[in-house]
Amino acid sequence: MVTLTEFASSAATRAYRDREAGSLDPEMRAKLYGLPQIMADWLAPHGGFEGRRVLDFGCGFGETAAGIALGHGAAEVRGVDIQPKPQRCAGILRETLGLETLPGNLKLRQIEPGEAVGRDDLDIVVSWSTVEHVARGLLDGVLGSLHAALKPGGLAFIQISPLYFSPEGSHLWALGYRGWEHLTRQTSEMLDAIEAAPWLDDGRKARMTRMFLTLNRLTAEELVDRVGKAGFSVLREQRDRTDLVPSPALIQAYALEALTTGQVVLLLRRD
């Protein structure tokens, strides 16, 4: 006999798959469908999401966690974030997919910075454009916590883009900053530009200022080194580089590899 939870989940899955053919905001489509599929493709040689227990670290509003839960057969998906954003996921799924409740295999919650996220009970951890926002003083502890949350042999998918020293590393593309401006201008000038932007309300200005000031400046090399020290082995690595050419002054001041590497993607295994 099919339980009410199983029926609701199957109905939610059908709604998810049916909605993919419809029109969605490009950013929402990417989070609900595109990012889960990218992760699934990386994980496919190792069994994928099917029947697995998954953690989305830094889940934001929970769209990608929902996509994994609804579209990829995960037994359970937990999403955690230090912001209260997960509370809005139910409303987002109601608006986009017509779901009245979260699917039964999806659980979202807010956590404190550095809080442990589990112990030896997860098969997969995923994190998309989150690790660059973790405070340096907490970074090793956070990576250690993700390692400890996985079962032995469990997998972690970690992506960062844009990396800090790359052309868009300031994360201030809303201001048109796409060419290393944060490395060539004074910090005060960057903050003044945020404050002077007439299209930003005060709340967004404050969030953007805090985000810019707290970027941890990780490079791809440093991330690989730190995950290794946390006990992970690298199964696959991808680094994407910009076609833009940094100025001679930038090359003199910073490593060319750091300046030109915009994205790093890692597939890791807990040893």
C-alpha atoms as a PDB file:
ATOM      1  CA  MET A   1       0.000   0.000   0.000  1.00  0.00           C
ATOM      2  CA  VAL A   2       1.260   3.492  -0.884  1.00  0.00           C
ATOM      3  CA  THR A   3       1.452   5.772   2.158  1.00  0.00           C
ATOM      4  CA  LEU A   4       0.206   9.364   2.117  1.00  0.00           C
ATOM      5  CA  THR A   5       3.820  10.567   2.293  1.00  0.00           C
ATOM      6  CA  GLU A   6       4.843   8.413  -0.657  1.00  0.00           C
ATOM      7  CA  PHE A   7       1.782   9.562  -2.637  1.00  0.00           C
ATOM      8  CA  ALA A   8       2.524  13.218  -1.893  1.00  0.00           C
ATOM      9  CA  SER A   9       6.169  12.743  -2.850  1.00  0.00           C
ATOM     10  CA  SER A  10       5.271  11.027  -6.129  1.00  0.00           C
ATOM     11  CA  ALA A  11       2.794  13.800  -6.933  1.00  0.00           C
ATOM     12  CA  ALA A  12       5.437  16.395  -6.121  1.00  0.00           C
ATOM     13  CA  THR A  13       7.922  14.605  -8.378  1.00  0.00           C
ATOM     14  CA  ARG A  14       5.416  14.623 -11.238  1.00  0.00           C
ATOM     15  CA  ALA A  15       4.816  18.341 -10.693  1.00  0.00           C
ATOM     16  CA  TYR A  16       8.566  18.942 -10.784  1.00  0.00           C
ATOM     17  CA  ARG A  17       9.061  17.005 -14.004  1.00  0.00           C
ATOM     18  CA  ASP A  18       6.005  18.537 -15.684  1.00  0.00           C
ATOM     19  CA  ARG A  19       7.085  22.072 -14.759  1.00  0.00           C
ATOM     20  CA  GLU A  20      10.494  21.627 -16.390  1.00  0.00           C
ATOM     21  CA  ALA A  21       8.821  21.856 -19.788  1.00  0.00           C
ATOM     22  CA  GLY A  22       7.160  25.154 -18.877  1.00  0.00           C
ATOM     23  CA  SER A  23       8.497  28.661 -18.556  1.00  0.00           C
ATOM     24  CA  LEU A  24      10.541  29.612 -15.509  1.00  0.00           C
ATOM     25  CA  ASP A  25      12.760  32.513 -14.594  1.00  0.00           C
ATOM     26  CA  PRO A  26      16.258  31.550 -15.878  1.00  0.00           C
ATOM     27  CA  GLU A  27      17.826  31.809 -12.419  1.00  0.00           C
ATOM     28  CA  MET A  28      15.083  29.667 -10.869  1.00  0.00           C
ATOM     29  CA  ARG A  29      15.391  27.101 -13.664  1.00  0.00           C
ATOM     30  CA  ALA A  30      19.148  26.905 -13.071  1.00  0.00           C
ATOM     31  CA  LYS A  31      18.736  26.333  -9.333  1.00  0.00           C
ATOM     32  CA  LEU A  32      15.844  23.858  -9.536  1.00  0.00           C
ATOM     33  CA  TYR A  33      16.975  21.903 -12.586  1.00  0.00           C
ATOM     34  CA  GLY A  34      20.382  22.925 -13.908  1.00  0.00           C
ATOM     35  CA  LEU A  35      22.549  22.708 -10.794  1.00  0.00           C
ATOM     36  CA  PRO A  36      21.096  19.380  -9.575  1.00  0.00           C
ATOM     37  CA  GLN A  37      21.770  17.908 -13.008  1.00  0.00           C
ATOM     38  CA  ILE A  38      25.382  19.148 -13.050  1.00  0.00           C
ATOM     39  CA  MET A  39      25.943  17.554  -9.651  1.00  0.00           C
ATOM     40  CA  ALA A  40      24.208  14.346 -10.748  1.00  0.00           C
ATOM     41  CA  ASP A  41      26.454  14.122 -13.811  1.00  0.00           C
ATOM     42  CA  TRP A  42      29.582  14.417 -11.666  1.00  0.00           C
ATOM     43  CA  LEU A  43      28.253  11.817  -9.227  1.00  0.00           C
ATOM     44  CA  ALA A  44      26.946   9.391 -11.869  1.00  0.00           C
ATOM     45  CA  PRO A  45      30.134   7.256 -12.076  1.00  0.00           C
ATOM     46  CA  HIS A  46      29.828   6.705  -8.315  1.00  0.00           C
ATOM     47  CA  GLY A  47      26.144   5.817  -8.122  1.00  0.00           C
ATOM     48  CA  GLY A  48      24.495   9.249  -8.325  1.00  0.00           C
ATOM     49  CA  PHE A  49      21.832  10.551  -5.931  1.00  0.00           C
ATOM     50  CA  GLU A  50      19.430   7.609  -6.205  1.00  0.00           C
ATOM     51  CA  GLY A  51      18.560   6.236  -2.750  1.00  0.00           C
ATOM     52  CA  ARG A  52      21.255   8.348  -1.058  1.00  0.00           C
ATOM     53  CA  ARG A  53      21.165  10.643   1.963  1.00  0.00           C
ATOM     54  CA  VAL A  54      22.356  14.077   0.864  1.00  0.00           C
ATOM     55  CA  LEU A  55      23.339  17.350   2.549  1.00  0.00           C
ATOM     56  CA  ASP A  56      23.227  20.660   0.664  1.00  0.00           C
ATOM     57  CA  PHE A  57      25.627  22.895   2.616  1.00  0.00           C
ATOM     58  CA  GLY A  58      24.758  26.559   2.118  1.00  0.00           C
ATOM     59  CA  CYS A  59      21.396  25.772   0.561  1.00  0.00           C
ATOM     60  CA  GLY A  60      20.104  29.355   0.404  1.00  0.00           C
ATOM     61  CA  PHE A  61      16.368  29.269  -0.254  1.00  0.00           C
ATOM     62  CA  GLY A  62      16.568  25.518  -0.847  1.00  0.00           C
ATOM     63  CA  GLU A  63      15.814  25.408  -4.574  1.00  0.00           C
ATOM     64  CA  THR A  64      18.727  23.135  -5.488  1.00  0.00           C
ATOM     65  CA  ALA A  65      18.100  20.856  -2.511  1.00  0.00           C
ATOM     66  CA  ALA A  66      14.475  20.625  -3.671  1.00  0.00           C
ATOM     67  CA  GLY A  67      15.615  19.782  -7.196  1.00  0.00           C
ATOM     68  CA  ILE A  68      17.743  16.918  -5.884  1.00  0.00           C
ATOM     69  CA  ALA A  69      14.893  15.661  -3.705  1.00  0.00           C
ATOM     70  CA  LEU A  70      12.245  15.871  -6.433  1.00  0.00           C
ATOM     71  CA  GLY A  71      14.168  14.988  -9.559  1.00  0.00           C
ATOM     72  CA  HIS A  72      16.979  12.619  -8.661  1.00  0.00           C
ATOM     73  CA  GLY A  73      15.563   9.972  -6.359  1.00  0.00           C
ATOM     74  CA  ALA A  74      17.460  10.871  -3.195  1.00  0.00           C
ATOM     75  CA  ALA A  75      16.208   9.067  -0.077  1.00  0.00           C
ATOM     76  CA  GLU A  76      16.683  12.219   1.983  1.00  0.00           C
ATOM     77  CA  VAL A  77      17.986  15.715   1.296  1.00  0.00           C
ATOM     78  CA  ARG A  78      18.927  18.045   4.134  1.00  0.00           C
ATOM     79  CA  GLY A  79      19.585  21.686   3.399  1.00  0.00           C
ATOM     80  CA  VAL A  80      21.370  23.958   5.862  1.00  0.00           C
ATOM     81  CA  ASP A  81      22.267  27.649   5.752  1.00  0.00           C
ATOM     82  CA  ILE A  82      23.397  30.247   8.291  1.00  0.00           C
ATOM     83  CA  GLN A  83      20.796  32.675   6.934  1.00  0.00           C
ATOM     84  CA  PRO A  84      17.042  32.205   7.551  1.00  0.00           C
ATOM     85  CA  LYS A  85      16.469  31.710   3.813  1.00  0.00           C
ATOM     86  CA  PRO A  86      15.373  28.021   4.027  1.00  0.00           C
ATOM     87  CA  GLN A  87      12.146  29.175   5.677  1.00  0.00           C
ATOM     88  CA  ARG A  88      11.026  30.581   2.319  1.00  0.00           C
ATOM     89  CA  CYS A  89      11.441  27.362   0.339  1.00  0.00           C
ATOM     90  CA  ALA A  90       7.851  26.182   0.793  1.00  0.00           C
ATOM     91  CA  GLY A  91       6.550  29.433  -0.658  1.00  0.00           C
ATOM     92  CA  ILE A  92       8.941  29.231  -3.599  1.00  0.00           C
ATOM     93  CA  LEU A  93       7.870  25.676  -4.430  1.00  0.00           C
ATOM     94  CA  ARG A  94       4.227  26.699  -4.122  1.00  0.00           C
ATOM     95  CA  GLU A  95       4.742  29.530  -6.612  1.00  0.00           C
ATOM     96  CA  THR A  96       6.869  27.591  -9.096  1.00  0.00           C
ATOM     97  CA  LEU A  97       5.537  24.037  -8.877  1.00  0.00           C
ATOM     98  CA  GLY A  98       2.155  24.408  -7.198  1.00  0.00           C
ATOM     99  CA  LEU A  99       3.218  22.299  -4.194  1.00  0.00           C
ATOM    100  CA  GLU A 100       1.393  22.916  -0.942  1.00  0.00           C
ATOM    101  CA  THR A 101       4.095  21.384   1.286  1.00  0.00           C
ATOM    102  CA  LEU A 102       7.744  20.429   1.070  1.00  0.00           C
ATOM    103  CA  PRO A 103       8.347  16.916  -0.299  1.00  0.00           C
ATOM    104  CA  GLY A 104       8.710  14.297   2.417  1.00  0.00           C
ATOM    105  CA  ASN A 105      12.357  13.623   1.623  1.00  0.00           C
ATOM    106  CA  LEU A 106      13.408  17.297   1.987  1.00  0.00           C
ATOM    107  CA  LYS A 107      14.348  18.900   5.312  1.00  0.00           C
ATOM    108  CA  LEU A 108      15.692  22.442   5.597  1.00  0.00           C
ATOM    109  CA  ARG A 109      16.979  24.385   8.597  1.00  0.00           C
ATOM    110  CA  GLN A 110      19.055  27.341   9.670  1.00  0.00           C
ATOM    111  CA  ILE A 111      22.328  26.625  11.489  1.00  0.00           C
ATOM    112  CA  GLU A 112      24.890  28.669  13.385  1.00  0.00           C
ATOM    113  CA  PRO A 113      28.239  29.438  11.721  1.00  0.00           C
ATOM    114  CA  GLY A 114      30.571  26.495  12.329  1.00  0.00           C
ATOM    115  CA  GLU A 115      27.811  24.228  13.666  1.00  0.00           C
ATOM    116  CA  ALA A 116      28.338  20.497  13.135  1.00  0.00           C
ATOM    117  CA  VAL A 117      26.042  19.092  10.442  1.00  0.00           C
ATOM    118  CA  GLY A 118      25.972  15.349  11.236  1.00  0.00           C
ATOM    119  CA  ARG A 119      28.069  12.330  12.058  1.00  0.00           C
ATOM    120  CA  ASP A 120      28.816   9.339   9.802  1.00  0.00           C
ATOM    121  CA  ASP A 121      25.291   9.221   8.383  1.00  0.00           C
ATOM    122  CA  LEU A 122      25.430  10.947   4.984  1.00  0.00           C
ATOM    123  CA  ASP A 123      26.279   9.514   1.582  1.00  0.00           C
ATOM    124  CA  ILE A 124      26.806  12.807  -0.255  1.00  0.00           C
ATOM    125  CA  VAL A 125      27.517  16.458   0.582  1.00  0.00           C
ATOM    126  CA  VAL A 126      27.072  19.155  -2.069  1.00  0.00           C
ATOM    127  CA  SER A 127      27.984  22.832  -1.867  1.00  0.00           C
ATOM    128  CA  TRP A 128      27.577  25.363  -4.665  1.00  0.00           C
ATOM    129  CA  SER A 129      29.241  28.805  -4.355  1.00  0.00           C
ATOM    130  CA  THR A 130      29.236  28.729  -0.560  1.00  0.00           C
ATOM    131  CA  VAL A 131      32.701  27.860   0.745  1.00  0.00           C
ATOM    132  CA  GLU A 132      34.139  31.240  -0.335  1.00  0.00           C
ATOM    133  CA  HIS A 133      31.796  32.856   2.204  1.00  0.00           C
ATOM    134  CA  VAL A 134      32.931  30.784   5.208  1.00  0.00           C
ATOM    135  CA  ALA A 135      35.031  32.808   7.646  1.00  0.00           C
ATOM    136  CA  ARG A 136      38.699  31.788   7.523  1.00  0.00           C
ATOM    137  CA  GLY A 137      38.751  31.093  11.222  1.00  0.00           C
ATOM    138  CA  LEU A 138      35.974  28.539  10.758  1.00  0.00           C
ATOM    139  CA  LEU A 139      37.022  27.083   7.418  1.00  0.00           C
ATOM    140  CA  ASP A 140      39.060  24.084   8.546  1.00  0.00           C
ATOM    141  CA  GLY A 141      36.455  23.228  11.154  1.00  0.00           C
ATOM    142  CA  VAL A 142      33.664  23.405   8.569  1.00  0.00           C
ATOM    143  CA  LEU A 143      35.511  21.157   6.117  1.00  0.00           C
ATOM    144  CA  GLY A 144      36.240  18.764   8.984  1.00  0.00           C
ATOM    145  CA  SER A 145      32.554  18.790   9.929  1.00  0.00           C
ATOM    146  CA  LEU A 146      31.511  17.939   6.361  1.00  0.00           C
ATOM    147  CA  HIS A 147      34.055  15.099   6.345  1.00  0.00           C
ATOM    148  CA  ALA A 148      32.772  13.801   9.692  1.00  0.00           C
ATOM    149  CA  ALA A 149      29.142  13.944   8.531  1.00  0.00           C
ATOM    150  CA  LEU A 150      29.842  11.525   5.690  1.00  0.00           C
ATOM    151  CA  LYS A 151      29.965   7.770   5.983  1.00  0.00           C
ATOM    152  CA  PRO A 152      33.398   6.296   5.183  1.00  0.00           C
ATOM    153  CA  GLY A 153      33.643   6.356   1.402  1.00  0.00           C
ATOM    154  CA  GLY A 154      31.023   9.121   1.166  1.00  0.00           C
ATOM    155  CA  LEU A 155      31.302  11.783  -1.530  1.00  0.00           C
ATOM    156  CA  ALA A 156      31.483  15.575  -1.497  1.00  0.00           C
ATOM    157  CA  PHE A 157      30.888  17.899  -4.450  1.00  0.00           C
ATOM    158  CA  ILE A 158      32.277  21.404  -3.829  1.00  0.00           C
ATOM    159  CA  GLN A 159      32.167  24.289  -6.293  1.00  0.00           C
ATOM    160  CA  ILE A 160      33.350  27.892  -5.992  1.00  0.00           C
ATOM    161  CA  SER A 161      32.744  30.601  -8.582  1.00  0.00           C
ATOM    162  CA  PRO A 162      33.898  33.267  -8.916  1.00  0.00           C
ATOM    163  CA  LEU A 163      37.141  32.804  -7.031  1.00  0.00           C
ATOM    164  CA  TYR A 164      38.255  35.984  -5.277  1.00  0.00           C
ATOM    165  CA  PHE A 165      41.291  36.891  -7.381  1.00  0.00           C
ATOM    166  CA  SER A 166      39.514  36.303 -10.705  1.00  0.00           C
ATOM    167  CA  PRO A 167      37.967  39.153 -12.742  1.00  0.00           C
ATOM    168  CA  GLU A 168      34.530  38.932 -11.049  1.00  0.00           C
ATOM    169  CA  GLY A 169      35.877  37.845  -7.664  1.00  0.00           C
ATOM    170  CA  SER A 170      34.342  40.811  -5.846  1.00  0.00           C
ATOM    171  CA  HIS A 171      30.862  39.280  -6.459  1.00  0.00           C
ATOM    172  CA  LEU A 172      29.767  42.838  -7.311  1.00  0.00           C
ATOM    173  CA  TRP A 173      28.641  42.205 -10.887  1.00  0.00           C
ATOM    174  CA  ALA A 174      25.440  44.108 -10.046  1.00  0.00           C
ATOM    175  CA  LEU A 175      27.672  47.202 -10.161  1.00  0.00           C
ATOM    176  CA  GLY A 176      29.266  46.115 -13.433  1.00  0.00           C
ATOM    177  CA  TYR A 177      32.528  45.050 -11.804  1.00  0.00           C
ATOM    178  CA  ARG A 178      33.847  42.265 -14.020  1.00  0.00           C
ATOM    179  CA  GLY A 179      37.523  43.135 -14.511  1.00  0.00           C
ATOM    180  CA  TRP A 180      39.511  42.855 -11.249  1.00  0.00           C
ATOM    181  CA  GLU A 181      38.254  46.237  -9.972  1.00  0.00           C
ATOM    182  CA  HIS A 182      38.433  44.969  -6.364  1.00  0.00           C
ATOM    183  CA  LEU A 183      42.173  44.374  -6.808  1.00  0.00           C
ATOM    184  CA  THR A 184      42.946  47.724  -8.456  1.00  0.00           C
ATOM    185  CA  ARG A 185      40.754  50.077  -6.417  1.00  0.00           C
ATOM    186  CA  GLN A 186      40.745  50.990  -2.743  1.00  0.00           C
ATOM    187  CA  THR A 187      38.277  49.132  -0.550  1.00  0.00           C
ATOM    188  CA  SER A 188      36.697  52.448   0.418  1.00  0.00           C
ATOM    189  CA  GLU A 189      36.042  53.184  -3.258  1.00  0.00           C
ATOM    190  CA  MET A 190      34.277  49.839  -3.675  1.00  0.00           C
ATOM    191  CA  LEU A 191      32.095  50.502  -0.631  1.00  0.00           C
ATOM    192  CA  ASP A 192      31.289  54.003  -1.847  1.00  0.00           C
ATOM    193  CA  ALA A 193      30.143  52.547  -5.173  1.00  0.00           C
ATOM    194  CA  ILE A 194      27.737  50.211  -3.375  1.00  0.00           C
ATOM    195  CA  GLU A 195      26.356  53.063  -1.290  1.00  0.00           C
ATOM    196  CA  ALA A 196      25.918  55.297  -4.348  1.00  0.00           C
ATOM    197  CA  ALA A 197      24.002  52.740  -6.454  1.00  0.00           C
ATOM    198  CA  PRO A 198      20.500  54.275  -6.792  1.00  0.00           C
ATOM    199  CA  TRP A 199      18.836  50.976  -7.788  1.00  0.00           C
ATOM    200  CA  LEU A 200      19.775  49.235  -4.523  1.00  0.00           C
ATOM    201  CA  ASP A 201      17.645  49.628  -1.408  1.00  0.00           C
ATOM    202  CA  ASP A 202      19.311  50.047   1.985  1.00  0.00           C
ATOM    203  CA  GLY A 203      18.874  46.390   2.920  1.00  0.00           C
ATOM    204  CA  ARG A 204      20.544  45.125  -0.236  1.00  0.00           C
ATOM    205  CA  LYS A 205      23.364  47.649   0.129  1.00  0.00           C
ATOM    206  CA  ALA A 206      24.042  46.370   3.642  1.00  0.00           C
ATOM    207  CA  ARG A 207      23.985  42.721   2.527  1.00  0.00           C
ATOM    208  CA  MET A 208      26.235  43.428  -0.450  1.00  0.00           C
ATOM    209  CA  THR A 209      28.718  45.346   1.698  1.00  0.00           C
ATOM    210  CA  ARG A 210      28.931  42.548   4.254  1.00  0.00           C
ATOM    211  CA  MET A 211      29.257  39.909   1.545  1.00  0.00           C
ATOM    212  CA  PHE A 212      32.135  41.768  -0.125  1.00  0.00           C
ATOM    213  CA  LEU A 213      33.998  42.447   3.109  1.00  0.00           C
ATOM    214  CA  THR A 214      33.734  38.841   4.350  1.00  0.00           C
ATOM    215  CA  LEU A 215      34.861  36.953   1.230  1.00  0.00           C
ATOM    216  CA  ASN A 216      37.626  34.627   2.452  1.00  0.00           C
ATOM    217  CA  ARG A 217      39.879  34.973  -0.631  1.00  0.00           C
ATOM    218  CA  LEU A 218      40.387  31.258  -1.158  1.00  0.00           C
ATOM    219  CA  THR A 219      42.306  30.174  -4.240  1.00  0.00           C
ATOM    220  CA  ALA A 220      41.797  26.866  -6.010  1.00  0.00           C
ATOM    221  CA  GLU A 221      45.195  25.672  -4.775  1.00  0.00           C
ATOM    222  CA  GLU A 222      44.396  26.529  -1.170  1.00  0.00           C
ATOM    223  CA  LEU A 223      41.013  24.801  -1.333  1.00  0.00           C
ATOM    224  CA  VAL A 224      42.589  21.598  -2.631  1.00  0.00           C
ATOM    225  CA  ASP A 225      45.193  21.762   0.127  1.00  0.00           C
ATOM    226  CA  ARG A 226      42.605  22.331   2.858  1.00  0.00           C
ATOM    227  CA  VAL A 227      40.234  19.540   1.778  1.00  0.00           C
ATOM    228  CA  GLY A 228      43.212  17.183   1.729  1.00  0.00           C
ATOM    229  CA  LYS A 229      44.118  18.150   5.278  1.00  0.00           C
ATOM    230  CA  ALA A 230      40.479  17.592   6.280  1.00  0.00           C
ATOM    231  CA  GLY A 231      40.820  13.965   5.173  1.00  0.00           C
ATOM    232  CA  PHE A 232      39.351  14.022   1.669  1.00  0.00           C
ATOM    233  CA  SER A 233      40.886  12.559  -1.456  1.00  0.00           C
ATOM    234  CA  VAL A 234      40.224  14.238  -4.805  1.00  0.00           C
ATOM    235  CA  LEU A 235      38.461  12.013  -7.337  1.00  0.00           C
ATOM    236  CA  ARG A 236      37.983  14.705  -9.985  1.00  0.00           C
ATOM    237  CA  GLU A 237      38.933  18.339 -10.346  1.00  0.00           C
ATOM    238  CA  GLN A 238      38.001  21.041 -12.835  1.00  0.00           C
ATOM    239  CA  ARG A 239      39.390  24.556 -13.075  1.00  0.00           C
ATOM    240  CA  ASP A 240      37.907  27.069 -15.513  1.00  0.00           C
ATOM    241  CA  ARG A 241      39.999  30.005 -16.651  1.00  0.00           C
ATOM    242  CA  THR A 242      39.079  33.406 -18.034  1.00  0.00           C
ATOM    243  CA  ASP A 243      40.041  34.631 -21.493  1.00  0.00           C
ATOM    244  CA  LEU A 244      40.631  38.108 -20.076  1.00  0.00           C
ATOM    245  CA  VAL A 245      44.259  39.194 -19.720  1.00  0.00           C
ATOM    246  CA  PRO A 246      45.248  40.877 -16.438  1.00  0.00           C
ATOM    247  CA  SER A 247      47.365  44.014 -16.536  1.00  0.00           C
ATOM    248  CA  PRO A 248      51.131  43.849 -16.007  1.00  0.00           C
ATOM    249  CA  ALA A 249      50.637  45.543 -12.621  1.00  0.00           C
ATOM    250  CA  LEU A 250      48.240  42.802 -11.496  1.00  0.00           C
ATOM    251  CA  ILE A 251      50.575  40.056 -12.723  1.00  0.00           C
ATOM    252  CA  GLN A 252      53.401  41.658 -10.775  1.00  0.00           C
ATOM    253  CA  ALA A 253      51.327  41.779  -7.595  1.00  0.00           C
ATOM    254  CA  TYR A 254      49.416  38.452  -7.766  1.00  0.00           C
ATOM    255  CA  ALA A 255      49.941  34.925  -9.069  1.00  0.00           C
ATOM    256  CA  LEU A 256      48.764  34.560 -12.664  1.00  0.00           C
ATOM    257  CA  GLU A 257      47.063  31.246 -11.854  1.00  0.00           C
ATOM    258  CA  ALA A 258      44.946  32.916  -9.170  1.00  0.00           C
ATOM    259  CA  LEU A 259      44.099  35.886 -11.396  1.00  0.00           C
ATOM    260  CA  THR A 260      42.867  33.757 -14.280  1.00  0.00           C
ATOM    261  CA  THR A 261      41.099  30.855 -12.512  1.00  0.00           C
ATOM    262  CA  GLY A 262      37.434  31.780 -12.160  1.00  0.00           C
ATOM    263  CA  GLN A 263      35.927  28.490 -11.021  1.00  0.00           C
ATOM    264  CA  VAL A 264      37.021  25.353  -9.241  1.00  0.00           C
ATOM    265  CA  VAL A 265      34.914  22.193  -8.947  1.00  0.00           C
ATOM    266  CA  LEU A 266      35.957  19.219  -6.821  1.00  0.00           C
ATOM    267  CA  LEU A 267      34.559  15.730  -6.378  1.00  0.00           C
ATOM    268  CA  LEU A 268      35.916  14.331  -3.128  1.00  0.00           C
ATOM    269  CA  ARG A 269      35.753  11.105  -1.167  1.00  0.00           C
ATOM    270  CA  ARG A 270      35.951  10.636   2.564  1.00  0.00           C
ATOM    271  CA  ASP A 271      38.835   8.263   3.248  1.00  0.00           C
END
